[in-house]
Amino acid sequence: MMDKLALPFLVLGLCTAMMIAKDIFKHPHPVRVMNIIWPITGLYMPFIGWLAWWFLGRQPSRQANLALLMPQRAARHNSWQTIFVSTTIPAAACIFGDVITLPIISLLNHLNILIVIWQEAIISLVLSLLIGLFFQVLAIKQREKNSLWRALLIALRIETFPLVIYQTGIFIFMALALKFVLNQQINPQLNAFWFMLQLAMMTGFVFSWPANHFLIKRGINPAH
């Protein structure tokens, strides 16, 4: 029953991601890494991701203010649009981290190395953080002429806190889903598992929103 319920949401998410990716070929984002992040946003935000791309990512008038292009000395923009765009970066990193974690867990199980859920969460967090730092460094290097080391230090400062909060939201939701919906089974062959992960990503987005709001409001995020 849950698999049948999950399938339309998963298909809609995939279609949303494909629609955004297709539109990006015609209207590429000025920040190159965002051309990867926006389609990923569509995966866990069916249809809403398309609206977000259309109004926040596609329009050139908004790209200059909302695309992590503003220099550090510029005025801070603490609008919900700015927070939304900033939150999509740790979100995309968490998706990559969670997806890469799955084959690692399968390999460990195949080697008879059993790990508990909190260990899986740590693996996912570490991978997500590495990927998130990579995304941020790419954006920072394009925006400012910093050295790689300086860009990495800035990325650590602005990415670590919201990403950890994001993963906390994912962990809490998936722990509840495993207990009450998935019968303690992490099975990528089930539509229900991916649907729960999709909902977990939206939960993490809500969790991470205040963290990004905090960084932007206090000028810790140099992109605003």
C-alpha atoms as a PDB file:
ATOM      1  CA  MET A   1       0.000   0.000   0.000  1.00  0.00           C
ATOM      2  CA  MET A   2       2.754   2.442   0.973  1.00  0.00           C
ATOM      3  CA  ASP A   3       4.681   1.607  -2.205  1.00  0.00           C
ATOM      4  CA  LYS A   4       1.662   2.529  -4.327  1.00  0.00           C
ATOM      5  CA  LEU A   5       1.197   5.765  -2.408  1.00  0.00           C
ATOM      6  CA  ALA A   6       4.883   6.630  -2.735  1.00  0.00           C
ATOM      7  CA  LEU A   7       5.195   6.075  -6.486  1.00  0.00           C
ATOM      8  CA  PRO A   8       3.331   9.226  -7.687  1.00  0.00           C
ATOM      9  CA  PHE A   9       5.431  11.470  -5.419  1.00  0.00           C
ATOM     10  CA  LEU A  10       8.673   9.872  -6.592  1.00  0.00           C
ATOM     11  CA  VAL A  11       7.699  10.142 -10.251  1.00  0.00           C
ATOM     12  CA  LEU A  12       6.626  13.754  -9.796  1.00  0.00           C
ATOM     13  CA  GLY A  13       9.935  14.542  -8.105  1.00  0.00           C
ATOM     14  CA  LEU A  14      11.874  12.947 -10.955  1.00  0.00           C
ATOM     15  CA  CYS A  15       9.811  14.817 -13.537  1.00  0.00           C
ATOM     16  CA  THR A  16      10.365  18.098 -11.681  1.00  0.00           C
ATOM     17  CA  ALA A  17      14.125  17.520 -11.645  1.00  0.00           C
ATOM     18  CA  MET A  18      14.126  16.690 -15.362  1.00  0.00           C
ATOM     19  CA  MET A  19      12.067  19.783 -16.202  1.00  0.00           C
ATOM     20  CA  ILE A  20      14.485  22.015 -14.293  1.00  0.00           C
ATOM     21  CA  ALA A  21      17.509  20.346 -15.894  1.00  0.00           C
ATOM     22  CA  LYS A  22      16.017  20.786 -19.370  1.00  0.00           C
ATOM     23  CA  ASP A  23      15.297  24.463 -18.722  1.00  0.00           C
ATOM     24  CA  ILE A  24      18.811  25.023 -17.380  1.00  0.00           C
ATOM     25  CA  PHE A  25      20.252  24.066 -20.773  1.00  0.00           C
ATOM     26  CA  LYS A  26      18.397  27.048 -22.234  1.00  0.00           C
ATOM     27  CA  HIS A  27      18.801  29.364 -19.253  1.00  0.00           C
ATOM     28  CA  PRO A  28      21.949  28.360 -17.352  1.00  0.00           C
ATOM     29  CA  HIS A  29      22.443  29.779 -13.899  1.00  0.00           C
ATOM     30  CA  PRO A  30      25.306  32.293 -13.525  1.00  0.00           C
ATOM     31  CA  VAL A  31      26.730  30.305 -10.600  1.00  0.00           C
ATOM     32  CA  ARG A  32      27.832  27.082 -12.257  1.00  0.00           C
ATOM     33  CA  VAL A  33      27.378  24.817  -9.246  1.00  0.00           C
ATOM     34  CA  MET A  34      23.735  25.918  -8.946  1.00  0.00           C
ATOM     35  CA  ASN A  35      23.073  24.224 -12.290  1.00  0.00           C
ATOM     36  CA  ILE A  36      23.567  20.966 -10.367  1.00  0.00           C
ATOM     37  CA  ILE A  37      21.796  22.010  -7.188  1.00  0.00           C
ATOM     38  CA  TRP A  38      18.554  23.250  -8.733  1.00  0.00           C
ATOM     39  CA  PRO A  39      17.591  19.930 -10.434  1.00  0.00           C
ATOM     40  CA  ILE A  40      18.387  18.108  -7.198  1.00  0.00           C
ATOM     41  CA  THR A  41      16.014  20.467  -5.413  1.00  0.00           C
ATOM     42  CA  GLY A  42      13.267  19.232  -7.714  1.00  0.00           C
ATOM     43  CA  LEU A  43      13.832  15.629  -6.615  1.00  0.00           C
ATOM     44  CA  TYR A  44      12.748  16.215  -3.024  1.00  0.00           C
ATOM     45  CA  MET A  45      10.364  19.109  -3.740  1.00  0.00           C
ATOM     46  CA  PRO A  46       7.986  17.831  -6.430  1.00  0.00           C
ATOM     47  CA  PHE A  47       6.489  20.756  -8.374  1.00  0.00           C
ATOM     48  CA  ILE A  48       7.463  23.223  -5.610  1.00  0.00           C
ATOM     49  CA  GLY A  49      11.045  22.848  -6.793  1.00  0.00           C
ATOM     50  CA  TRP A  50       9.989  23.935 -10.274  1.00  0.00           C
ATOM     51  CA  LEU A  51       8.231  27.026  -8.898  1.00  0.00           C
ATOM     52  CA  ALA A  52      11.307  27.844  -6.834  1.00  0.00           C
ATOM     53  CA  TRP A  53      13.553  27.510  -9.882  1.00  0.00           C
ATOM     54  CA  TRP A  54      11.216  29.596 -12.033  1.00  0.00           C
ATOM     55  CA  PHE A  55      10.925  32.497  -9.603  1.00  0.00           C
ATOM     56  CA  LEU A  56      14.250  32.355  -7.733  1.00  0.00           C
ATOM     57  CA  GLY A  57      16.749  30.745 -10.071  1.00  0.00           C
ATOM     58  CA  ARG A  58      15.652  31.370 -13.639  1.00  0.00           C
ATOM     59  CA  GLN A  59      14.871  35.092 -13.623  1.00  0.00           C
ATOM     60  CA  PRO A  60      18.019  37.155 -14.257  1.00  0.00           C
ATOM     61  CA  SER A  61      16.731  40.011 -12.107  1.00  0.00           C
ATOM     62  CA  ARG A  62      16.711  37.724  -9.075  1.00  0.00           C
ATOM     63  CA  GLN A  63      19.849  35.763  -9.883  1.00  0.00           C
ATOM     64  CA  ALA A  64      22.137  38.667  -9.041  1.00  0.00           C
ATOM     65  CA  ASN A  65      20.665  38.954  -5.542  1.00  0.00           C
ATOM     66  CA  LEU A  66      19.885  35.348  -4.741  1.00  0.00           C
ATOM     67  CA  ALA A  67      22.582  33.275  -6.453  1.00  0.00           C
ATOM     68  CA  LEU A  68      25.491  33.652  -4.041  1.00  0.00           C
ATOM     69  CA  LEU A  69      27.079  36.225  -6.353  1.00  0.00           C
ATOM     70  CA  MET A  70      27.096  39.229  -4.032  1.00  0.00           C
ATOM     71  CA  PRO A  71      30.476  40.291  -2.630  1.00  0.00           C
ATOM     72  CA  GLN A  72      31.055  40.343   1.112  1.00  0.00           C
ATOM     73  CA  ARG A  73      30.828  44.108   1.362  1.00  0.00           C
ATOM     74  CA  ALA A  74      27.327  44.150  -0.150  1.00  0.00           C
ATOM     75  CA  ALA A  75      24.213  44.746   1.895  1.00  0.00           C
ATOM     76  CA  ARG A  76      22.732  41.762   3.618  1.00  0.00           C
ATOM     77  CA  HIS A  77      19.484  40.370   2.257  1.00  0.00           C
ATOM     78  CA  ASN A  78      17.636  38.412   4.883  1.00  0.00           C
ATOM     79  CA  SER A  79      14.567  37.674   2.786  1.00  0.00           C
ATOM     80  CA  TRP A  80      12.971  34.251   2.623  1.00  0.00           C
ATOM     81  CA  GLN A  81      14.096  33.974  -0.988  1.00  0.00           C
ATOM     82  CA  THR A  82      17.728  34.372   0.004  1.00  0.00           C
ATOM     83  CA  ILE A  83      17.385  31.861   2.834  1.00  0.00           C
ATOM     84  CA  PHE A  84      15.685  29.376   0.506  1.00  0.00           C
ATOM     85  CA  VAL A  85      18.488  29.507  -2.061  1.00  0.00           C
ATOM     86  CA  SER A  86      21.146  29.224   0.650  1.00  0.00           C
ATOM     87  CA  THR A  87      19.423  26.175   2.118  1.00  0.00           C
ATOM     88  CA  THR A  88      19.385  24.336  -1.205  1.00  0.00           C
ATOM     89  CA  ILE A  89      23.173  23.859  -1.033  1.00  0.00           C
ATOM     90  CA  PRO A  90      23.324  21.761   2.169  1.00  0.00           C
ATOM     91  CA  ALA A  91      20.186  20.007   0.937  1.00  0.00           C
ATOM     92  CA  ALA A  92      21.878  18.893  -2.285  1.00  0.00           C
ATOM     93  CA  ALA A  93      24.966  17.836  -0.344  1.00  0.00           C
ATOM     94  CA  CYS A  94      22.833  15.729   1.998  1.00  0.00           C
ATOM     95  CA  ILE A  95      21.127  13.992  -0.910  1.00  0.00           C
ATOM     96  CA  PHE A  96      24.470  13.041  -2.447  1.00  0.00           C
ATOM     97  CA  GLY A  97      25.782  11.984   0.959  1.00  0.00           C
ATOM     98  CA  ASP A  98      22.763   9.805   1.729  1.00  0.00           C
ATOM     99  CA  VAL A  99      22.746   8.172  -1.706  1.00  0.00           C
ATOM    100  CA  ILE A 100      26.486   7.386  -1.517  1.00  0.00           C
ATOM    101  CA  THR A 101      26.031   6.006   1.997  1.00  0.00           C
ATOM    102  CA  LEU A 102      23.623   3.306   0.798  1.00  0.00           C
ATOM    103  CA  PRO A 103      26.141   1.238  -1.243  1.00  0.00           C
ATOM    104  CA  ILE A 104      28.718   1.686   1.526  1.00  0.00           C
ATOM    105  CA  ILE A 105      26.277   0.163   4.026  1.00  0.00           C
ATOM    106  CA  SER A 106      25.494  -2.662   1.604  1.00  0.00           C
ATOM    107  CA  LEU A 107      29.208  -3.372   1.152  1.00  0.00           C
ATOM    108  CA  LEU A 108      29.808  -3.413   4.908  1.00  0.00           C
ATOM    109  CA  ASN A 109      26.876  -5.782   5.398  1.00  0.00           C
ATOM    110  CA  HIS A 110      28.244  -8.009   2.643  1.00  0.00           C
ATOM    111  CA  LEU A 111      31.532  -8.134   4.554  1.00  0.00           C
ATOM    112  CA  ASN A 112      29.599  -9.085   7.696  1.00  0.00           C
ATOM    113  CA  ILE A 113      30.389  -5.741   9.283  1.00  0.00           C
ATOM    114  CA  LEU A 114      27.150  -4.734  10.940  1.00  0.00           C
ATOM    115  CA  ILE A 115      26.682  -1.092  11.847  1.00  0.00           C
ATOM    116  CA  VAL A 116      23.852   0.527  13.793  1.00  0.00           C
ATOM    117  CA  ILE A 117      21.757   3.454  12.647  1.00  0.00           C
ATOM    118  CA  TRP A 118      23.773   6.142  14.433  1.00  0.00           C
ATOM    119  CA  GLN A 119      26.933   4.892  12.705  1.00  0.00           C
ATOM    120  CA  GLU A 120      25.132   5.106   9.370  1.00  0.00           C
ATOM    121  CA  ALA A 121      24.145   8.676  10.262  1.00  0.00           C
ATOM    122  CA  ILE A 122      27.784   9.586  10.958  1.00  0.00           C
ATOM    123  CA  ILE A 123      28.929   8.158   7.617  1.00  0.00           C
ATOM    124  CA  SER A 124      26.223  10.115   5.830  1.00  0.00           C
ATOM    125  CA  LEU A 125      27.077  13.300   7.746  1.00  0.00           C
ATOM    126  CA  VAL A 126      30.782  13.096   6.901  1.00  0.00           C
ATOM    127  CA  LEU A 127      30.110  12.461   3.213  1.00  0.00           C
ATOM    128  CA  SER A 128      27.496  15.224   3.063  1.00  0.00           C
ATOM    129  CA  LEU A 129      29.848  17.696   4.715  1.00  0.00           C
ATOM    130  CA  LEU A 130      32.641  16.927   2.249  1.00  0.00           C
ATOM    131  CA  ILE A 131      30.288  17.357  -0.693  1.00  0.00           C
ATOM    132  CA  GLY A 132      28.766  20.527   0.799  1.00  0.00           C
ATOM    133  CA  LEU A 133      32.220  22.034   1.264  1.00  0.00           C
ATOM    134  CA  PHE A 134      33.036  21.185  -2.344  1.00  0.00           C
ATOM    135  CA  PHE A 135      29.878  22.963  -3.556  1.00  0.00           C
ATOM    136  CA  GLN A 136      30.577  26.013  -1.415  1.00  0.00           C
ATOM    137  CA  VAL A 137      34.210  26.248  -2.498  1.00  0.00           C
ATOM    138  CA  LEU A 138      33.136  26.213  -6.140  1.00  0.00           C
ATOM    139  CA  ALA A 139      30.638  29.022  -5.505  1.00  0.00           C
ATOM    140  CA  ILE A 140      33.110  31.070  -3.452  1.00  0.00           C
ATOM    141  CA  LYS A 141      35.928  30.683  -5.979  1.00  0.00           C
ATOM    142  CA  GLN A 142      33.642  31.885  -8.756  1.00  0.00           C
ATOM    143  CA  ARG A 143      32.447  34.866  -6.720  1.00  0.00           C
ATOM    144  CA  GLU A 144      35.713  35.988  -5.168  1.00  0.00           C
ATOM    145  CA  LYS A 145      39.383  35.649  -6.082  1.00  0.00           C
ATOM    146  CA  ASN A 146      40.348  33.798  -2.910  1.00  0.00           C
ATOM    147  CA  SER A 147      42.973  31.113  -2.533  1.00  0.00           C
ATOM    148  CA  LEU A 148      41.750  27.558  -2.246  1.00  0.00           C
ATOM    149  CA  TRP A 149      42.659  27.474   1.451  1.00  0.00           C
ATOM    150  CA  ARG A 150      40.810  30.733   2.157  1.00  0.00           C
ATOM    151  CA  ALA A 151      37.765  29.522   0.213  1.00  0.00           C
ATOM    152  CA  LEU A 152      37.783  26.277   2.210  1.00  0.00           C
ATOM    153  CA  LEU A 153      37.880  28.168   5.522  1.00  0.00           C
ATOM    154  CA  ILE A 154      34.935  30.319   4.440  1.00  0.00           C
ATOM    155  CA  ALA A 155      33.041  27.223   3.284  1.00  0.00           C
ATOM    156  CA  LEU A 156      33.629  25.541   6.649  1.00  0.00           C
ATOM    157  CA  ARG A 157      32.245  28.573   8.443  1.00  0.00           C
ATOM    158  CA  ILE A 158      29.072  28.895   6.409  1.00  0.00           C
ATOM    159  CA  GLU A 159      28.300  25.253   5.557  1.00  0.00           C
ATOM    160  CA  THR A 160      29.012  23.178   8.658  1.00  0.00           C
ATOM    161  CA  PHE A 161      26.288  24.493  10.987  1.00  0.00           C
ATOM    162  CA  PRO A 162      23.292  24.378   8.572  1.00  0.00           C
ATOM    163  CA  LEU A 163      24.395  21.028   7.153  1.00  0.00           C
ATOM    164  CA  VAL A 164      24.651  19.409  10.592  1.00  0.00           C
ATOM    165  CA  ILE A 165      21.191  20.745  11.448  1.00  0.00           C
ATOM    166  CA  TYR A 166      19.888  19.483   8.102  1.00  0.00           C
ATOM    167  CA  GLN A 167      21.248  16.003   8.755  1.00  0.00           C
ATOM    168  CA  THR A 168      19.735  16.088  12.234  1.00  0.00           C
ATOM    169  CA  GLY A 169      16.304  16.628  10.699  1.00  0.00           C
ATOM    170  CA  ILE A 170      16.895  13.766   8.267  1.00  0.00           C
ATOM    171  CA  PHE A 171      18.093  11.467  11.037  1.00  0.00           C
ATOM    172  CA  ILE A 172      15.111  12.168  13.288  1.00  0.00           C
ATOM    173  CA  PHE A 173      12.592  11.628  10.488  1.00  0.00           C
ATOM    174  CA  MET A 174      14.242   8.465   9.148  1.00  0.00           C
ATOM    175  CA  ALA A 175      14.587   7.004  12.647  1.00  0.00           C
ATOM    176  CA  LEU A 176      10.831   7.429  13.110  1.00  0.00           C
ATOM    177  CA  ALA A 177      10.130   6.135   9.592  1.00  0.00           C
ATOM    178  CA  LEU A 178      12.260   3.032  10.154  1.00  0.00           C
ATOM    179  CA  LYS A 179      10.417   2.288  13.367  1.00  0.00           C
ATOM    180  CA  PHE A 180       6.837   2.956  12.316  1.00  0.00           C
ATOM    181  CA  VAL A 181       6.795   2.568   8.508  1.00  0.00           C
ATOM    182  CA  LEU A 182       9.791   0.628   7.172  1.00  0.00           C
ATOM    183  CA  ASN A 183       9.996  -2.090   9.858  1.00  0.00           C
ATOM    184  CA  GLN A 184      13.643  -1.247  10.634  1.00  0.00           C
ATOM    185  CA  GLN A 185      14.682  -2.121   7.081  1.00  0.00           C
ATOM    186  CA  ILE A 186      16.797   0.072   4.835  1.00  0.00           C
ATOM    187  CA  ASN A 187      15.776  -1.339   1.486  1.00  0.00           C
ATOM    188  CA  PRO A 188      16.486   0.840  -1.587  1.00  0.00           C
ATOM    189  CA  GLN A 189      14.378  -1.543  -3.671  1.00  0.00           C
ATOM    190  CA  LEU A 190      11.214  -0.260  -2.010  1.00  0.00           C
ATOM    191  CA  ASN A 191       9.445   2.849  -3.249  1.00  0.00           C
ATOM    192  CA  ALA A 192       8.407   3.488   0.339  1.00  0.00           C
ATOM    193  CA  PHE A 193      12.039   3.864   1.398  1.00  0.00           C
ATOM    194  CA  TRP A 194      12.730   6.560  -1.213  1.00  0.00           C
ATOM    195  CA  PHE A 195       9.458   8.278  -0.368  1.00  0.00           C
ATOM    196  CA  MET A 196      10.457   8.408   3.301  1.00  0.00           C
ATOM    197  CA  LEU A 197      13.849   9.780   2.274  1.00  0.00           C
ATOM    198  CA  GLN A 198      12.105  12.377   0.115  1.00  0.00           C
ATOM    199  CA  LEU A 199      10.019  13.463   3.113  1.00  0.00           C
ATOM    200  CA  ALA A 200      13.134  13.387   5.298  1.00  0.00           C
ATOM    201  CA  MET A 201      14.837  15.820   2.921  1.00  0.00           C
ATOM    202  CA  MET A 202      11.917  18.222   3.222  1.00  0.00           C
ATOM    203  CA  THR A 203      12.064  17.837   6.997  1.00  0.00           C
ATOM    204  CA  GLY A 204      15.774  18.618   6.960  1.00  0.00           C
ATOM    205  CA  PHE A 205      15.056  21.697   4.846  1.00  0.00           C
ATOM    206  CA  VAL A 206      12.701  22.985   7.542  1.00  0.00           C
ATOM    207  CA  PHE A 207      15.246  22.201  10.255  1.00  0.00           C
ATOM    208  CA  SER A 208      18.068  23.961   8.391  1.00  0.00           C
ATOM    209  CA  TRP A 209      16.099  27.105   7.558  1.00  0.00           C
ATOM    210  CA  PRO A 210      16.652  28.806  10.971  1.00  0.00           C
ATOM    211  CA  ALA A 211      20.356  27.929  10.829  1.00  0.00           C
ATOM    212  CA  ASN A 212      20.787  29.684   7.481  1.00  0.00           C
ATOM    213  CA  HIS A 213      18.651  32.573   8.722  1.00  0.00           C
ATOM    214  CA  PHE A 214      21.021  32.909  11.686  1.00  0.00           C
ATOM    215  CA  LEU A 215      24.151  32.948   9.506  1.00  0.00           C
ATOM    216  CA  ILE A 216      22.771  35.420   6.983  1.00  0.00           C
ATOM    217  CA  LYS A 217      21.343  37.772   9.587  1.00  0.00           C
ATOM    218  CA  ARG A 218      24.697  38.029  11.354  1.00  0.00           C
ATOM    219  CA  GLY A 219      26.723  38.335   8.178  1.00  0.00           C
ATOM    220  CA  ILE A 220      28.562  35.051   8.799  1.00  0.00           C
ATOM    221  CA  ASN A 221      27.615  33.914   5.320  1.00  0.00           C
ATOM    222  CA  PRO A 222      29.836  36.085   3.090  1.00  0.00           C
ATOM    223  CA  ALA A 223      27.519  35.633   0.128  1.00  0.00           C
ATOM    224  CA  HIS A 224      24.954  38.045   1.559  1.00  0.00           C
END
